[in-house]
């Protein structure tokens, strides 16, 4: 998408400012370096969402989802756990914006199908991996986050987000030389997968489909 000067002034810059402000407010009790990192991450996410969707209700929807997923990533990095309130909040966001996303019934069916398909598939794969390796493959919080991605992006978009998340996780493990069986916070990779899916997932999926026709 080509963004002109007017679009930059009216969408991206305000979105970046709102994102950084949200990051500062959310982390007001955290250390300075955490507040700065969160503010920059939120600002970038909001700016990309505004560039991709413009100032629309869908943009607001995606920005709130980014906020929750980024919070899950920071929680996971700090505690190796993801609070259930984040999953519940993400589901509530889907329901709140449901009437604003076009056909309510088809969007609801698409979201529920995606949540059950993606969440169920990841749960089954995780269970099989644990039986083979003897180690926990994914925590319950990670599995529920994948279900959230299916809820918001549908089955195809959710599956794409899973692939991107896994590739990002493998890259991080290789970069940090994390060994087999070592606890690994996966929520940051899931948040990255959701970001790529929201901003460029549709185009990348269509490109993949055209390449194999």
N, C-alpha and C. Protein backbone atom coordinates (compact mmCIF):
# COMPACT_ATOMS: atom_id res chain seq x y z
N UNK A 1 0.85 -1.19 0.00
CA UNK A 1 0.00 0.00 0.00
C UNK A 1 0.88 1.24 0.00
N UNK A 2 0.62 2.20 -0.91
CA UNK A 2 1.38 3.43 -0.99
C UNK A 2 0.70 4.47 -0.12
N UNK A 3 1.42 5.03 0.81
CA UNK A 3 0.87 6.00 1.73
C UNK A 3 1.36 7.38 1.35
N UNK A 4 0.42 8.31 1.08
CA UNK A 4 0.78 9.67 0.73
C UNK A 4 1.03 10.50 1.96
N UNK A 5 1.47 11.75 1.72
CA UNK A 5 1.80 12.64 2.84
C UNK A 5 0.58 12.93 3.70
N UNK A 6 -0.59 13.09 3.08
CA UNK A 6 -1.79 13.38 3.85
C UNK A 6 -2.18 12.21 4.75
N UNK A 7 -2.06 10.98 4.21
CA UNK A 7 -2.38 9.80 5.01
C UNK A 7 -1.42 9.66 6.19
N UNK A 8 -0.15 10.00 5.96
CA UNK A 8 0.83 9.92 7.04
C UNK A 8 0.47 10.90 8.15
N UNK A 9 0.06 12.10 7.76
CA UNK A 9 -0.26 13.12 8.74
C UNK A 9 -1.53 12.82 9.51
N UNK A 10 -2.52 12.25 8.80
CA UNK A 10 -3.84 12.06 9.42
C UNK A 10 -4.05 10.69 10.04
N UNK A 11 -3.18 9.74 9.75
CA UNK A 11 -3.40 8.38 10.27
C UNK A 11 -2.19 7.84 11.03
N UNK A 12 -1.06 7.76 10.38
CA UNK A 12 0.07 7.07 10.98
C UNK A 12 0.63 7.80 12.20
N UNK A 13 0.87 9.09 12.06
CA UNK A 13 1.47 9.84 13.16
C UNK A 13 0.58 9.86 14.40
N UNK A 14 -0.72 10.19 14.27
CA UNK A 14 -1.58 10.12 15.47
C UNK A 14 -1.66 8.72 16.06
N UNK A 15 -1.72 7.70 15.19
CA UNK A 15 -1.78 6.33 15.68
C UNK A 15 -0.53 5.97 16.46
N UNK A 16 0.63 6.39 15.97
CA UNK A 16 1.88 6.13 16.68
C UNK A 16 1.87 6.81 18.05
N UNK A 17 1.40 8.05 18.09
CA UNK A 17 1.35 8.79 19.35
C UNK A 17 0.39 8.13 20.35
N UNK A 18 -0.76 7.69 19.85
CA UNK A 18 -1.72 7.02 20.73
C UNK A 18 -1.13 5.71 21.25
N UNK A 19 -0.46 4.97 20.37
CA UNK A 19 0.16 3.71 20.78
C UNK A 19 1.22 3.89 21.84
N UNK A 20 2.09 4.89 21.66
CA UNK A 20 3.13 5.13 22.65
C UNK A 20 2.52 5.57 23.98
N UNK A 21 1.47 6.39 23.91
CA UNK A 21 0.81 6.83 25.14
C UNK A 21 0.18 5.64 25.86
N UNK A 22 -0.45 4.74 25.08
CA UNK A 22 -1.05 3.54 25.68
C UNK A 22 0.02 2.68 26.35
N UNK A 23 1.17 2.53 25.70
CA UNK A 23 2.24 1.75 26.29
C UNK A 23 2.75 2.34 27.58
N UNK A 24 2.85 3.67 27.64
CA UNK A 24 3.32 4.34 28.87
C UNK A 24 2.32 4.15 29.99
N UNK A 25 1.03 4.31 29.69
CA UNK A 25 0.00 4.19 30.72
C UNK A 25 -0.09 2.76 31.25
N UNK A 26 -0.05 1.79 30.34
CA UNK A 26 -0.19 0.39 30.74
C UNK A 26 0.96 -0.05 31.63
N UNK A 27 2.16 0.49 31.38
CA UNK A 27 3.35 0.05 32.12
C UNK A 27 3.81 1.11 33.12
N UNK A 28 2.89 1.89 33.65
CA UNK A 28 3.26 3.00 34.53
C UNK A 28 3.96 2.54 35.81
N UNK A 29 3.78 1.28 36.20
CA UNK A 29 4.42 0.77 37.40
C UNK A 29 5.69 -0.04 37.09
N UNK A 30 6.06 -0.11 35.83
CA UNK A 30 7.23 -0.90 35.42
C UNK A 30 8.48 -0.03 35.39
N UNK A 31 9.61 -0.69 35.20
CA UNK A 31 10.87 0.02 35.07
C UNK A 31 10.88 0.86 33.80
N UNK A 32 11.78 1.86 33.78
CA UNK A 32 11.83 2.81 32.68
C UNK A 32 12.11 2.12 31.35
N UNK A 33 13.04 1.17 31.35
CA UNK A 33 13.38 0.50 30.09
C UNK A 33 12.20 -0.31 29.56
N UNK A 34 11.42 -0.92 30.46
CA UNK A 34 10.24 -1.66 30.03
C UNK A 34 9.18 -0.70 29.48
N UNK A 35 9.01 0.44 30.12
CA UNK A 35 8.02 1.42 29.66
C UNK A 35 8.39 1.94 28.27
N UNK A 36 9.66 2.20 28.06
CA UNK A 36 10.11 2.71 26.76
C UNK A 36 9.92 1.66 25.67
N UNK A 37 10.31 0.42 25.98
CA UNK A 37 10.18 -0.65 25.00
C UNK A 37 8.71 -0.89 24.64
N UNK A 38 7.85 -0.91 25.65
CA UNK A 38 6.42 -1.14 25.41
C UNK A 38 5.82 0.00 24.60
N UNK A 39 6.18 1.22 24.94
CA UNK A 39 5.64 2.38 24.23
C UNK A 39 6.04 2.35 22.75
N UNK A 40 7.29 2.01 22.47
CA UNK A 40 7.75 1.96 21.07
C UNK A 40 7.05 0.85 20.32
N UNK A 41 6.93 -0.33 20.95
CA UNK A 41 6.28 -1.46 20.29
C UNK A 41 4.82 -1.14 19.98
N UNK A 42 4.10 -0.59 20.96
CA UNK A 42 2.70 -0.24 20.73
C UNK A 42 2.57 0.83 19.66
N UNK A 43 3.46 1.81 19.69
CA UNK A 43 3.42 2.87 18.69
C UNK A 43 3.61 2.34 17.28
N UNK A 44 4.56 1.44 17.11
CA UNK A 44 4.81 0.84 15.79
C UNK A 44 3.62 0.01 15.35
N UNK A 45 3.06 -0.79 16.26
CA UNK A 45 1.91 -1.63 15.91
C UNK A 45 0.72 -0.77 15.49
N UNK A 46 0.43 0.26 16.25
CA UNK A 46 -0.70 1.13 15.93
C UNK A 46 -0.47 1.85 14.59
N UNK A 47 0.76 2.28 14.35
CA UNK A 47 1.07 2.99 13.10
C UNK A 47 0.88 2.07 11.89
N UNK A 48 1.34 0.83 11.99
CA UNK A 48 1.16 -0.12 10.89
C UNK A 48 -0.33 -0.40 10.66
N UNK A 49 -1.09 -0.55 11.74
CA UNK A 49 -2.52 -0.80 11.62
C UNK A 49 -3.22 0.37 10.93
N UNK A 50 -2.84 1.59 11.29
CA UNK A 50 -3.44 2.76 10.66
C UNK A 50 -3.06 2.86 9.18
N UNK A 51 -1.81 2.51 8.87
CA UNK A 51 -1.38 2.53 7.47
C UNK A 51 -2.09 1.47 6.65
N UNK A 52 -2.38 0.34 7.28
CA UNK A 52 -3.01 -0.77 6.56
C UNK A 52 -4.51 -0.56 6.40
N UNK A 53 -5.18 -0.09 7.45
CA UNK A 53 -6.65 -0.04 7.44
C UNK A 53 -7.23 1.37 7.48
N UNK A 54 -6.37 2.39 7.68
CA UNK A 54 -6.90 3.73 7.86
C UNK A 54 -7.54 3.87 9.23
N UNK A 55 -8.08 5.04 9.50
CA UNK A 55 -8.75 5.25 10.78
C UNK A 55 -10.17 4.70 10.67
N UNK A 56 -10.32 3.43 10.98
CA UNK A 56 -11.60 2.73 10.88
C UNK A 56 -11.84 1.94 12.17
N UNK A 57 -13.05 1.41 12.30
CA UNK A 57 -13.34 0.58 13.46
C UNK A 57 -12.49 -0.69 13.44
N UNK A 58 -12.21 -1.21 12.25
CA UNK A 58 -11.37 -2.42 12.17
C UNK A 58 -9.96 -2.11 12.66
N UNK A 59 -9.47 -0.92 12.36
CA UNK A 59 -8.15 -0.52 12.85
C UNK A 59 -8.14 -0.48 14.38
N UNK A 60 -9.19 0.07 14.98
CA UNK A 60 -9.30 0.11 16.43
C UNK A 60 -9.34 -1.30 17.00
N UNK A 61 -10.11 -2.16 16.36
CA UNK A 61 -10.21 -3.57 16.75
C UNK A 61 -8.82 -4.22 16.77
N UNK A 62 -8.08 -4.06 15.69
CA UNK A 62 -6.76 -4.69 15.57
C UNK A 62 -5.78 -4.09 16.58
N UNK A 63 -5.85 -2.80 16.80
CA UNK A 63 -4.94 -2.16 17.76
C UNK A 63 -5.18 -2.69 19.17
N UNK A 64 -6.43 -2.86 19.56
CA UNK A 64 -6.73 -3.41 20.88
C UNK A 64 -6.23 -4.85 20.99
N UNK A 65 -6.41 -5.62 19.91
CA UNK A 65 -5.90 -6.99 19.90
C UNK A 65 -4.39 -7.00 20.04
N UNK A 66 -3.69 -6.12 19.30
CA UNK A 66 -2.24 -6.00 19.43
C UNK A 66 -1.85 -5.67 20.87
N UNK A 67 -2.58 -4.78 21.49
CA UNK A 67 -2.29 -4.37 22.86
C UNK A 67 -2.35 -5.57 23.81
N UNK A 68 -3.40 -6.37 23.68
CA UNK A 68 -3.57 -7.54 24.54
C UNK A 68 -2.48 -8.58 24.29
N UNK A 69 -2.18 -8.83 23.02
CA UNK A 69 -1.17 -9.84 22.70
C UNK A 69 0.23 -9.40 23.14
N UNK A 70 0.51 -8.12 23.01
CA UNK A 70 1.81 -7.61 23.48
C UNK A 70 1.90 -7.71 24.99
N UNK A 71 0.78 -7.44 25.68
CA UNK A 71 0.77 -7.60 27.14
C UNK A 71 1.01 -9.06 27.52
N UNK A 72 0.40 -9.98 26.76
CA UNK A 72 0.63 -11.41 27.01
C UNK A 72 2.10 -11.76 26.81
N UNK A 73 2.72 -11.16 25.79
CA UNK A 73 4.14 -11.42 25.53
C UNK A 73 5.01 -10.97 26.69
N UNK A 74 4.74 -9.79 27.22
CA UNK A 74 5.54 -9.28 28.34
C UNK A 74 5.31 -10.11 29.61
N UNK A 75 4.06 -10.49 29.85
CA UNK A 75 3.77 -11.36 31.00
C UNK A 75 4.54 -12.68 30.88
N UNK A 76 4.54 -13.24 29.68
CA UNK A 76 5.20 -14.53 29.46
C UNK A 76 6.70 -14.41 29.66
N UNK A 77 7.27 -13.31 29.19
CA UNK A 77 8.71 -13.09 29.36
C UNK A 77 9.08 -12.97 30.85
N UNK A 78 8.20 -12.34 31.61
CA UNK A 78 8.49 -12.10 33.03
C UNK A 78 8.20 -13.30 33.92
N UNK A 79 7.10 -14.01 33.64
CA UNK A 79 6.62 -15.03 34.57
C UNK A 79 6.46 -16.42 33.96
N UNK A 80 6.64 -16.54 32.63
CA UNK A 80 6.40 -17.80 31.92
C UNK A 80 4.95 -18.24 32.05
N UNK A 81 4.06 -17.29 32.27
CA UNK A 81 2.63 -17.56 32.34
C UNK A 81 1.87 -16.46 31.61
N UNK A 82 0.65 -16.81 31.16
CA UNK A 82 -0.21 -15.84 30.49
C UNK A 82 -1.52 -15.79 31.27
N UNK A 83 -1.87 -14.65 31.85
CA UNK A 83 -3.11 -14.56 32.64
C UNK A 83 -4.34 -14.86 31.79
N UNK A 84 -5.28 -15.59 32.37
CA UNK A 84 -6.51 -15.92 31.66
C UNK A 84 -7.32 -14.67 31.30
N UNK A 85 -7.12 -13.58 32.05
CA UNK A 85 -7.89 -12.38 31.76
C UNK A 85 -7.57 -11.83 30.37
N UNK A 86 -6.38 -12.12 29.86
CA UNK A 86 -6.02 -11.65 28.52
C UNK A 86 -6.83 -12.41 27.47
N UNK A 87 -6.96 -13.71 27.64
CA UNK A 87 -7.76 -14.49 26.69
C UNK A 87 -9.22 -14.06 26.74
N UNK A 88 -9.73 -13.86 27.94
CA UNK A 88 -11.13 -13.44 28.10
C UNK A 88 -11.34 -12.06 27.47
N UNK A 89 -10.40 -11.15 27.72
CA UNK A 89 -10.50 -9.81 27.15
C UNK A 89 -10.47 -9.85 25.62
N UNK A 90 -9.62 -10.70 25.05
CA UNK A 90 -9.53 -10.81 23.60
C UNK A 90 -10.83 -11.35 23.00
N UNK A 91 -11.45 -12.31 23.70
CA UNK A 91 -12.74 -12.83 23.24
C UNK A 91 -13.82 -11.74 23.33
N UNK A 92 -13.79 -10.95 24.39
CA UNK A 92 -14.75 -9.85 24.54
C UNK A 92 -14.58 -8.81 23.45
N UNK A 93 -13.33 -8.53 23.08
CA UNK A 93 -13.06 -7.57 21.99
C UNK A 93 -13.69 -8.06 20.69
N UNK A 94 -13.57 -9.34 20.43
CA UNK A 94 -14.18 -9.91 19.22
C UNK A 94 -15.69 -9.68 19.24
N UNK A 95 -16.32 -9.92 20.37
CA UNK A 95 -17.77 -9.77 20.46
C UNK A 95 -18.20 -8.31 20.37
N UNK A 96 -17.42 -7.42 20.97
CA UNK A 96 -17.77 -5.99 20.94
C UNK A 96 -17.73 -5.43 19.52
N UNK A 97 -16.71 -5.83 18.76
CA UNK A 97 -16.56 -5.29 17.41
C UNK A 97 -17.30 -6.11 16.36
N UNK A 98 -17.94 -7.20 16.77
CA UNK A 98 -18.66 -8.06 15.84
C UNK A 98 -19.70 -7.29 15.01
N UNK A 99 -20.53 -6.44 15.62
CA UNK A 99 -21.53 -5.72 14.82
C UNK A 99 -20.93 -4.72 13.84
N UNK A 100 -19.64 -4.37 14.02
CA UNK A 100 -19.00 -3.36 13.18
C UNK A 100 -18.15 -3.97 12.07
N UNK A 101 -18.12 -5.30 12.00
CA UNK A 101 -17.25 -5.98 11.04
C UNK A 101 -18.02 -6.54 9.83
N UNK A 102 -19.15 -5.97 9.50
CA UNK A 102 -19.90 -6.45 8.33
C UNK A 102 -21.02 -7.38 8.74
N UNK A 103 -21.14 -8.49 8.03
CA UNK A 103 -22.19 -9.46 8.31
C UNK A 103 -21.94 -10.14 9.65
N UNK A 104 -22.80 -9.89 10.61
CA UNK A 104 -22.58 -10.37 11.97
C UNK A 104 -22.57 -11.89 12.03
N UNK A 105 -23.54 -12.53 11.39
CA UNK A 105 -23.66 -13.99 11.47
C UNK A 105 -22.47 -14.68 10.84
N UNK A 106 -22.12 -14.27 9.62
CA UNK A 106 -21.00 -14.92 8.92
C UNK A 106 -19.67 -14.67 9.65
N UNK A 107 -19.50 -13.46 10.19
CA UNK A 107 -18.27 -13.15 10.93
C UNK A 107 -18.19 -13.96 12.21
N UNK A 108 -19.34 -14.12 12.89
CA UNK A 108 -19.37 -14.92 14.12
C UNK A 108 -19.05 -16.38 13.82
N UNK A 109 -19.66 -16.93 12.78
CA UNK A 109 -19.41 -18.34 12.41
C UNK A 109 -17.95 -18.51 12.01
N UNK A 110 -17.42 -17.56 11.24
CA UNK A 110 -16.01 -17.62 10.82
C UNK A 110 -15.09 -17.60 12.04
N UNK A 111 -15.39 -16.73 13.01
CA UNK A 111 -14.55 -16.64 14.19
C UNK A 111 -14.61 -17.88 15.06
N UNK A 112 -15.81 -18.39 15.30
CA UNK A 112 -15.95 -19.58 16.14
C UNK A 112 -15.32 -20.79 15.47
N UNK A 113 -15.51 -20.91 14.15
CA UNK A 113 -14.89 -22.01 13.41
C UNK A 113 -13.37 -21.93 13.51
N UNK A 114 -12.85 -20.71 13.36
CA UNK A 114 -11.41 -20.52 13.46
C UNK A 114 -10.87 -20.85 14.84
N UNK A 115 -11.58 -20.42 15.88
CA UNK A 115 -11.13 -20.69 17.26
C UNK A 115 -11.11 -22.18 17.54
N UNK A 116 -12.17 -22.87 17.16
CA UNK A 116 -12.25 -24.31 17.42
C UNK A 116 -11.25 -25.09 16.57
N UNK A 117 -11.11 -24.69 15.31
CA UNK A 117 -10.20 -25.40 14.40
C UNK A 117 -8.75 -25.21 14.80
N UNK A 118 -8.35 -23.95 14.94
CA UNK A 118 -6.95 -23.66 15.27
C UNK A 118 -6.62 -24.11 16.69
N UNK A 119 -7.47 -23.75 17.65
CA UNK A 119 -7.21 -24.15 19.03
C UNK A 119 -7.21 -25.65 19.20
N UNK A 120 -8.19 -26.33 18.58
CA UNK A 120 -8.26 -27.79 18.68
C UNK A 120 -7.06 -28.47 18.03
N UNK A 121 -6.65 -27.98 16.85
CA UNK A 121 -5.50 -28.58 16.16
C UNK A 121 -4.22 -28.42 16.97
N UNK A 122 -4.02 -27.23 17.54
CA UNK A 122 -2.82 -26.99 18.34
C UNK A 122 -2.84 -27.83 19.62
N UNK A 123 -4.01 -27.96 20.23
CA UNK A 123 -4.13 -28.80 21.43
C UNK A 123 -3.77 -30.24 21.11
N UNK A 124 -4.27 -30.76 19.99
CA UNK A 124 -3.98 -32.14 19.59
C UNK A 124 -2.50 -32.32 19.28
N UNK A 125 -1.92 -31.39 18.52
CA UNK A 125 -0.50 -31.49 18.17
C UNK A 125 0.37 -31.40 19.42
N UNK A 126 0.00 -30.54 20.34
CA UNK A 126 0.76 -30.40 21.58
C UNK A 126 0.70 -31.68 22.40
N UNK A 127 -0.49 -32.28 22.48
CA UNK A 127 -0.65 -33.53 23.21
C UNK A 127 0.19 -34.64 22.60
N UNK A 128 0.18 -34.74 21.27
CA UNK A 128 0.99 -35.76 20.59
C UNK A 128 2.47 -35.54 20.81
N UNK A 129 2.90 -34.26 20.73
CA UNK A 129 4.32 -33.95 20.93
C UNK A 129 4.77 -34.31 22.34
N UNK A 130 3.91 -34.07 23.32
CA UNK A 130 4.26 -34.40 24.71
C UNK A 130 4.40 -35.90 24.90
N UNK A 131 3.55 -36.68 24.22
CA UNK A 131 3.63 -38.14 24.34
C UNK A 131 4.90 -38.68 23.69
N UNK A 132 5.35 -38.03 22.64
CA UNK A 132 6.54 -38.49 21.92
C UNK A 132 7.82 -38.07 22.64
N UNK A 133 7.87 -36.80 23.07
CA UNK A 133 9.11 -36.26 23.63
C UNK A 133 9.20 -36.40 25.16
N UNK A 134 8.04 -36.52 25.81
CA UNK A 134 8.05 -36.56 27.27
C UNK A 134 8.17 -35.20 27.91
N UNK A 135 8.15 -34.12 27.10
CA UNK A 135 8.24 -32.76 27.61
C UNK A 135 6.99 -31.99 27.20
N UNK A 136 6.64 -31.00 28.01
CA UNK A 136 5.50 -30.15 27.67
C UNK A 136 5.83 -29.36 26.41
N UNK A 137 5.00 -29.48 25.39
CA UNK A 137 5.26 -28.80 24.12
C UNK A 137 4.80 -27.34 24.18
N UNK A 138 3.56 -27.14 24.61
CA UNK A 138 3.02 -25.78 24.72
C UNK A 138 2.21 -25.68 26.02
N UNK A 139 2.29 -24.52 26.63
CA UNK A 139 1.48 -24.30 27.82
C UNK A 139 0.02 -24.03 27.44
N UNK A 140 -0.85 -24.16 28.43
CA UNK A 140 -2.26 -23.91 28.16
C UNK A 140 -2.53 -22.50 27.71
N UNK A 141 -1.77 -21.53 28.24
CA UNK A 141 -1.94 -20.14 27.83
C UNK A 141 -1.61 -19.93 26.37
N UNK A 142 -0.55 -20.60 25.88
CA UNK A 142 -0.19 -20.49 24.46
C UNK A 142 -1.27 -21.08 23.57
N UNK A 143 -1.80 -22.22 23.96
CA UNK A 143 -2.86 -22.87 23.17
C UNK A 143 -4.08 -21.97 23.08
N UNK A 144 -4.44 -21.36 24.22
CA UNK A 144 -5.60 -20.46 24.22
C UNK A 144 -5.33 -19.20 23.39
N UNK A 145 -4.08 -18.74 23.35
CA UNK A 145 -3.75 -17.60 22.50
C UNK A 145 -3.93 -17.95 21.03
N UNK A 146 -3.53 -19.16 20.65
CA UNK A 146 -3.74 -19.59 19.26
C UNK A 146 -5.23 -19.65 18.93
N UNK A 147 -6.03 -20.10 19.89
CA UNK A 147 -7.48 -20.11 19.68
C UNK A 147 -8.00 -18.69 19.48
N UNK A 148 -7.42 -17.73 20.21
CA UNK A 148 -7.79 -16.32 20.05
C UNK A 148 -7.48 -15.84 18.63
N UNK A 149 -6.33 -16.26 18.09
CA UNK A 149 -5.98 -15.87 16.74
C UNK A 149 -6.97 -16.44 15.73
N UNK A 150 -7.39 -17.69 15.95
CA UNK A 150 -8.40 -18.27 15.08
C UNK A 150 -9.72 -17.53 15.18
N UNK A 151 -10.06 -17.06 16.38
CA UNK A 151 -11.29 -16.31 16.59
C UNK A 151 -11.28 -15.01 15.80
N UNK A 152 -10.18 -14.31 15.82
CA UNK A 152 -10.11 -13.00 15.17
C UNK A 152 -9.77 -13.07 13.68
N UNK A 153 -9.02 -14.09 13.26
CA UNK A 153 -8.57 -14.14 11.87
C UNK A 153 -9.23 -15.24 11.06
N UNK A 154 -10.03 -16.10 11.69
CA UNK A 154 -10.63 -17.21 10.98
C UNK A 154 -9.69 -18.39 10.90
N UNK A 155 -10.16 -19.49 10.33
CA UNK A 155 -9.36 -20.71 10.28
C UNK A 155 -8.11 -20.54 9.43
N UNK A 156 -8.26 -19.97 8.23
CA UNK A 156 -7.12 -19.81 7.32
C UNK A 156 -6.13 -18.80 7.88
N UNK A 157 -6.64 -17.63 8.28
CA UNK A 157 -5.76 -16.63 8.85
C UNK A 157 -5.10 -17.11 10.14
N UNK A 158 -5.86 -17.83 10.97
CA UNK A 158 -5.30 -18.36 12.19
C UNK A 158 -4.20 -19.38 11.93
N UNK A 159 -4.41 -20.24 10.92
CA UNK A 159 -3.39 -21.22 10.55
C UNK A 159 -2.12 -20.53 10.05
N UNK A 160 -2.31 -19.46 9.27
CA UNK A 160 -1.15 -18.69 8.80
C UNK A 160 -0.40 -18.09 9.98
N UNK A 161 -1.15 -17.55 10.96
CA UNK A 161 -0.52 -16.97 12.15
C UNK A 161 0.26 -18.02 12.93
N UNK A 162 -0.27 -19.24 12.99
CA UNK A 162 0.44 -20.33 13.66
C UNK A 162 1.78 -20.60 12.97
N UNK A 163 1.76 -20.65 11.65
CA UNK A 163 2.99 -20.92 10.89
C UNK A 163 4.03 -19.83 11.14
N UNK A 164 3.60 -18.57 11.06
CA UNK A 164 4.53 -17.46 11.29
C UNK A 164 5.06 -17.50 12.72
N UNK A 165 4.18 -17.78 13.67
CA UNK A 165 4.59 -17.84 15.08
C UNK A 165 5.63 -18.94 15.30
N UNK A 166 5.41 -20.09 14.71
CA UNK A 166 6.35 -21.21 14.87
C UNK A 166 7.70 -20.90 14.23
N UNK A 167 7.67 -20.29 13.04
CA UNK A 167 8.92 -19.90 12.39
C UNK A 167 9.68 -18.88 13.23
N UNK A 168 8.95 -17.91 13.79
CA UNK A 168 9.59 -16.91 14.64
C UNK A 168 10.16 -17.57 15.90
N UNK A 169 9.40 -18.50 16.49
CA UNK A 169 9.89 -19.21 17.66
C UNK A 169 11.14 -20.02 17.39
N UNK A 170 11.16 -20.71 16.25
CA UNK A 170 12.34 -21.49 15.88
C UNK A 170 13.55 -20.59 15.65
N UNK A 171 13.30 -19.44 15.03
CA UNK A 171 14.40 -18.49 14.79
C UNK A 171 14.98 -17.99 16.11
N UNK A 172 14.10 -17.65 17.05
CA UNK A 172 14.56 -17.14 18.35
C UNK A 172 15.32 -18.23 19.11
N UNK A 173 14.78 -19.46 19.07
CA UNK A 173 15.47 -20.57 19.75
C UNK A 173 16.86 -20.80 19.17
N UNK A 174 16.95 -20.74 17.84
CA UNK A 174 18.26 -20.91 17.21
C UNK A 174 19.20 -19.78 17.52
N UNK A 175 18.66 -18.56 17.53
CA UNK A 175 19.49 -17.38 17.80
C UNK A 175 20.02 -17.39 19.23
N UNK A 176 19.16 -17.81 20.16
CA UNK A 176 19.54 -17.82 21.58
C UNK A 176 20.09 -19.17 22.03
N UNK A 177 20.13 -20.13 21.10
CA UNK A 177 20.65 -21.47 21.38
C UNK A 177 19.93 -22.12 22.56
N UNK A 178 18.61 -22.06 22.49
CA UNK A 178 17.80 -22.67 23.53
C UNK A 178 17.68 -24.16 23.26
N UNK A 179 18.06 -24.96 24.21
CA UNK A 179 18.10 -26.41 24.02
C UNK A 179 16.75 -27.07 24.19
N UNK A 180 16.68 -28.34 23.83
CA UNK A 180 15.47 -29.14 23.94
C UNK A 180 15.06 -29.29 25.39
N UNK A 181 13.77 -29.07 25.66
CA UNK A 181 13.25 -29.21 27.00
C UNK A 181 13.42 -27.98 27.87
N UNK A 182 14.10 -26.95 27.35
CA UNK A 182 14.29 -25.71 28.11
C UNK A 182 13.03 -24.86 28.01
N UNK A 183 12.50 -24.36 29.13
CA UNK A 183 11.31 -23.50 29.08
C UNK A 183 11.54 -22.30 28.17
N UNK A 184 10.53 -22.00 27.36
CA UNK A 184 10.68 -20.94 26.36
C UNK A 184 9.38 -20.13 26.30
N UNK A 185 9.44 -18.82 26.54
CA UNK A 185 8.24 -17.99 26.44
C UNK A 185 7.80 -17.83 24.98
N UNK A 186 6.68 -18.43 24.63
CA UNK A 186 6.26 -18.47 23.23
C UNK A 186 5.31 -17.33 22.85
N UNK A 187 4.75 -16.63 23.85
CA UNK A 187 3.78 -15.57 23.55
C UNK A 187 4.35 -14.45 22.68
N UNK A 188 5.63 -14.04 22.84
CA UNK A 188 6.15 -13.03 21.92
C UNK A 188 6.12 -13.47 20.46
N UNK A 189 6.40 -14.74 20.21
CA UNK A 189 6.33 -15.25 18.83
C UNK A 189 4.88 -15.26 18.34
N UNK A 190 3.95 -15.59 19.22
CA UNK A 190 2.53 -15.60 18.85
C UNK A 190 2.07 -14.18 18.53
N UNK A 191 2.50 -13.21 19.34
CA UNK A 191 2.14 -11.81 19.09
C UNK A 191 2.70 -11.35 17.75
N UNK A 192 3.93 -11.77 17.43
CA UNK A 192 4.52 -11.42 16.14
C UNK A 192 3.74 -12.06 14.99
N UNK A 193 3.34 -13.32 15.16
CA UNK A 193 2.55 -14.00 14.14
C UNK A 193 1.23 -13.29 13.89
N UNK A 194 0.59 -12.81 14.96
CA UNK A 194 -0.66 -12.07 14.82
C UNK A 194 -0.43 -10.75 14.10
N UNK A 195 0.67 -10.09 14.41
CA UNK A 195 0.98 -8.81 13.76
C UNK A 195 1.15 -8.99 12.26
N UNK A 196 1.95 -9.97 11.86
CA UNK A 196 2.18 -10.22 10.43
C UNK A 196 0.88 -10.61 9.74
N UNK A 197 0.07 -11.43 10.39
CA UNK A 197 -1.19 -11.87 9.81
C UNK A 197 -2.15 -10.70 9.61
N UNK A 198 -2.26 -9.84 10.60
CA UNK A 198 -3.17 -8.70 10.50
C UNK A 198 -2.75 -7.72 9.42
N UNK A 199 -1.45 -7.46 9.34
CA UNK A 199 -0.97 -6.42 8.42
C UNK A 199 -0.80 -6.94 7.00
N UNK A 200 -0.29 -8.16 6.83
CA UNK A 200 0.03 -8.64 5.49
C UNK A 200 -0.43 -10.05 5.22
N UNK A 201 -1.17 -10.66 6.13
CA UNK A 201 -1.56 -12.05 5.99
C UNK A 201 -2.37 -12.33 4.73
N UNK A 202 -3.37 -11.50 4.46
CA UNK A 202 -4.24 -11.73 3.30
C UNK A 202 -3.45 -11.72 2.01
N UNK A 203 -2.55 -10.74 1.86
CA UNK A 203 -1.74 -10.66 0.64
C UNK A 203 -0.79 -11.85 0.53
N UNK A 204 -0.16 -12.24 1.62
CA UNK A 204 0.79 -13.35 1.58
C UNK A 204 0.08 -14.68 1.30
N UNK A 205 -1.10 -14.86 1.88
CA UNK A 205 -1.86 -16.09 1.61
C UNK A 205 -2.28 -16.16 0.15
N UNK A 206 -2.76 -15.04 -0.41
CA UNK A 206 -3.15 -15.01 -1.82
C UNK A 206 -1.95 -15.23 -2.73
N UNK A 207 -0.80 -14.68 -2.35
CA UNK A 207 0.42 -14.90 -3.14
C UNK A 207 0.81 -16.36 -3.15
N UNK A 208 0.68 -17.03 -2.00
CA UNK A 208 0.99 -18.44 -1.89
C UNK A 208 0.04 -19.27 -2.76
N UNK A 209 -1.25 -18.93 -2.72
CA UNK A 209 -2.25 -19.67 -3.51
C UNK A 209 -1.98 -19.51 -4.99
N UNK A 210 -1.67 -18.28 -5.42
CA UNK A 210 -1.39 -18.05 -6.85
C UNK A 210 -0.13 -18.78 -7.29
N UNK A 211 0.85 -18.91 -6.41
CA UNK A 211 2.11 -19.54 -6.78
C UNK A 211 1.94 -21.03 -7.06
N UNK A 212 0.90 -21.66 -6.48
CA UNK A 212 0.73 -23.10 -6.64
C UNK A 212 -0.48 -23.46 -7.49
N UNK A 213 -1.01 -22.48 -8.21
CA UNK A 213 -2.11 -22.79 -9.14
C UNK A 213 -1.56 -23.42 -10.42
